[in-house]
Structures are given as structure tokens and as C-alpha cells.
Amino acid sequence: MLKQNEMQLNIKKDKEKAEKEKDYDLVKILLQNFQVFNEVEEKKNAERRQKMIFYGKRVKNVDRPENRSETKTEKDCDERIFGGC
């Protein structure tokens, strides 16, 4: 009877160990997925940041006095496109 109880206890421990290993593997997969997701988001944010920096530099260039005639030309084009002329 004692050996049977020991065997049942060992079987129970083995099952618990297998479940813990499964859980560990699932957590590992989830962490990898989060890491990939974060890397993709960081890449998107970097691209957005670069676009905004480029846009800011472009706006800064247009605001310079020597480039104001270009601003009028761009404005005229906008007016033609949107029916302002």
C-alpha cells in the first residue's frame, strides 16, 4: 500500500512538473511575441519621428525670408487645386 501511494505521489509530481514546464514555455513564447511587437512599434515610431523632423525642417526652410516667394507659389498651387483662383 505504501509503495502504491509513493507511485501515485510521484505521478502527481511528474504531472505538476510537466504543467510548470508547459506554463514556462507559454510565458517564454508570450515574452518573445511582446519583444517582437515592441520592436515593430519602435521602428514605426522612429519612422514617424523622422517624418516629423523632416517636416519640421521643411517648414523651417519655407519660413525663411529668402524662401517666401516659394511659399506664395505653393499657396497659389494650393488655391488652384482647391478652387481658390
C-alpha atoms as a PDB file:
ATOM      1  CA  MET A   1       0.000   0.000   0.000  1.00  0.00           C
ATOM      2  CA  LEU A   2       2.818   2.390   0.857  1.00  0.00           C
ATOM      3  CA  LYS A   3       4.550   1.802  -2.483  1.00  0.00           C
ATOM      4  CA  GLN A   4       1.304   2.435  -4.326  1.00  0.00           C
ATOM      5  CA  ASN A   5       0.906   5.780  -2.525  1.00  0.00           C
ATOM      6  CA  GLU A   6       4.506   6.700  -3.363  1.00  0.00           C
ATOM      7  CA  MET A   7       3.924   5.845  -7.015  1.00  0.00           C
ATOM      8  CA  GLN A   8       0.759   7.949  -7.102  1.00  0.00           C
ATOM      9  CA  LEU A   9       2.606  10.819  -5.437  1.00  0.00           C
ATOM     10  CA  ASN A  10       5.446  10.549  -7.971  1.00  0.00           C
ATOM     11  CA  ILE A  11       2.944  10.524 -10.842  1.00  0.00           C
ATOM     12  CA  LYS A  12       1.256  13.605  -9.394  1.00  0.00           C
ATOM     13  CA  LYS A  13       4.619  15.387  -9.029  1.00  0.00           C
ATOM     14  CA  ASP A  14       5.549  14.498 -12.608  1.00  0.00           C
ATOM     15  CA  LYS A  15       2.248  15.912 -13.884  1.00  0.00           C
ATOM     16  CA  GLU A  16       2.763  19.130 -11.921  1.00  0.00           C
ATOM     17  CA  LYS A  17       6.299  19.414 -13.259  1.00  0.00           C
ATOM     18  CA  ALA A  18       5.062  18.908 -16.828  1.00  0.00           C
ATOM     19  CA  GLU A  19       2.398  21.603 -16.326  1.00  0.00           C
ATOM     20  CA  LYS A  20       5.000  24.022 -14.966  1.00  0.00           C
ATOM     21  CA  GLU A  21       7.224  23.356 -17.971  1.00  0.00           C
ATOM     22  CA  LYS A  22       4.269  23.990 -20.297  1.00  0.00           C
ATOM     23  CA  ASP A  23       3.498  27.235 -18.495  1.00  0.00           C
ATOM     24  CA  TYR A  24       7.146  28.261 -18.688  1.00  0.00           C
ATOM     25  CA  ASP A  25       7.202  27.578 -22.437  1.00  0.00           C
ATOM     26  CA  LEU A  26       3.993  29.579 -22.948  1.00  0.00           C
ATOM     27  CA  VAL A  27       5.364  32.506 -20.957  1.00  0.00           C
ATOM     28  CA  LYS A  28       8.565  32.359 -22.973  1.00  0.00           C
ATOM     29  CA  ILE A  29       6.572  32.472 -26.240  1.00  0.00           C
ATOM     30  CA  LEU A  30       4.482  35.388 -24.958  1.00  0.00           C
ATOM     31  CA  LEU A  31       7.581  37.331 -23.974  1.00  0.00           C
ATOM     32  CA  GLN A  32       9.109  36.735 -27.396  1.00  0.00           C
ATOM     33  CA  ASN A  33       5.907  37.950 -29.058  1.00  0.00           C
ATOM     34  CA  PHE A  34       5.879  41.076 -26.887  1.00  0.00           C
ATOM     35  CA  GLN A  35       9.502  41.723 -27.773  1.00  0.00           C
ATOM     36  CA  VAL A  36       8.766  41.432 -31.499  1.00  0.00           C
ATOM     37  CA  PHE A  37       5.715  43.681 -31.109  1.00  0.00           C
ATOM     38  CA  ASN A  38       7.751  46.271 -29.216  1.00  0.00           C
ATOM     39  CA  GLU A  39      10.487  46.210 -31.851  1.00  0.00           C
ATOM     40  CA  VAL A  40       7.910  46.780 -34.604  1.00  0.00           C
ATOM     41  CA  GLU A  41       6.335  49.645 -32.640  1.00  0.00           C
ATOM     42  CA  GLU A  42       9.749  51.214 -32.007  1.00  0.00           C
ATOM     43  CA  LYS A  43      10.507  51.022 -35.718  1.00  0.00           C
ATOM     44  CA  LYS A  44       7.171  52.677 -36.583  1.00  0.00           C
ATOM     45  CA  ASN A  45       7.771  55.398 -34.008  1.00  0.00           C
ATOM     46  CA  ALA A  46      11.271  56.029 -35.350  1.00  0.00           C
ATOM     47  CA  GLU A  47       9.884  56.376 -38.873  1.00  0.00           C
ATOM     48  CA  ARG A  48       7.187  58.780 -37.658  1.00  0.00           C
ATOM     49  CA  ARG A  49       9.787  60.758 -35.748  1.00  0.00           C
ATOM     50  CA  GLN A  50      11.969  61.015 -38.861  1.00  0.00           C
ATOM     51  CA  LYS A  51       8.988  62.187 -40.921  1.00  0.00           C
ATOM     52  CA  MET A  52       8.161  64.850 -38.330  1.00  0.00           C
ATOM     53  CA  ILE A  53      11.789  66.009 -38.186  1.00  0.00           C
ATOM     54  CA  PHE A  54      11.853  66.234 -41.979  1.00  0.00           C
ATOM     55  CA  TYR A  55       8.542  68.103 -41.963  1.00  0.00           C
ATOM     56  CA  GLY A  56       9.842  70.490 -39.294  1.00  0.00           C
ATOM     57  CA  LYS A  57      12.979  71.216 -41.303  1.00  0.00           C
ATOM     58  CA  ARG A  58      10.878  71.791 -44.411  1.00  0.00           C
ATOM     59  CA  VAL A  59       8.576  74.209 -42.586  1.00  0.00           C
ATOM     60  CA  LYS A  60      11.580  75.980 -41.103  1.00  0.00           C
ATOM     61  CA  ASN A  61      13.065  76.405 -44.602  1.00  0.00           C
ATOM     62  CA  VAL A  62       9.814  77.782 -46.004  1.00  0.00           C
ATOM     63  CA  ASP A  63       9.621  80.362 -43.210  1.00  0.00           C
ATOM     64  CA  ARG A  64      12.987  81.874 -44.129  1.00  0.00           C
ATOM     65  CA  PRO A  65      12.674  85.256 -45.848  1.00  0.00           C
ATOM     66  CA  GLU A  66      14.665  84.167 -48.887  1.00  0.00           C
ATOM     67  CA  ASN A  67      12.198  81.335 -49.474  1.00  0.00           C
ATOM     68  CA  ARG A  68       8.988  83.314 -49.057  1.00  0.00           C
ATOM     69  CA  SER A  69       8.408  83.562 -52.802  1.00  0.00           C
ATOM     70  CA  GLU A  70       8.295  79.755 -52.845  1.00  0.00           C
ATOM     71  CA  THR A  71       5.645  79.935 -50.162  1.00  0.00           C
ATOM     72  CA  LYS A  72       3.489  82.135 -52.388  1.00  0.00           C
ATOM     73  CA  THR A  73       3.989  79.738 -55.273  1.00  0.00           C
ATOM     74  CA  GLU A  74       2.973  76.802 -53.083  1.00  0.00           C
ATOM     75  CA  LYS A  75      -0.007  78.810 -51.833  1.00  0.00           C
ATOM     76  CA  ASP A  76      -1.027  79.669 -55.399  1.00  0.00           C
ATOM     77  CA  CYS A  77      -0.840  75.999 -56.318  1.00  0.00           C
ATOM     78  CA  ASP A  78      -2.988  75.126 -53.321  1.00  0.00           C
ATOM     79  CA  GLU A  79      -5.533  77.756 -54.323  1.00  0.00           C
ATOM     80  CA  ARG A  80      -5.651  76.385 -57.860  1.00  0.00           C
ATOM     81  CA  ILE A  81      -6.094  72.865 -56.557  1.00  0.00           C
ATOM     82  CA  PHE A  82      -8.833  73.811 -54.118  1.00  0.00           C
ATOM     83  CA  GLY A  83     -10.552  76.281 -56.430  1.00  0.00           C
ATOM     84  CA  GLY A  84      -9.327  79.487 -54.843  1.00  0.00           C
ATOM     85  CA  CYS A  85      -8.339  81.143 -58.142  1.00  0.00           C
END
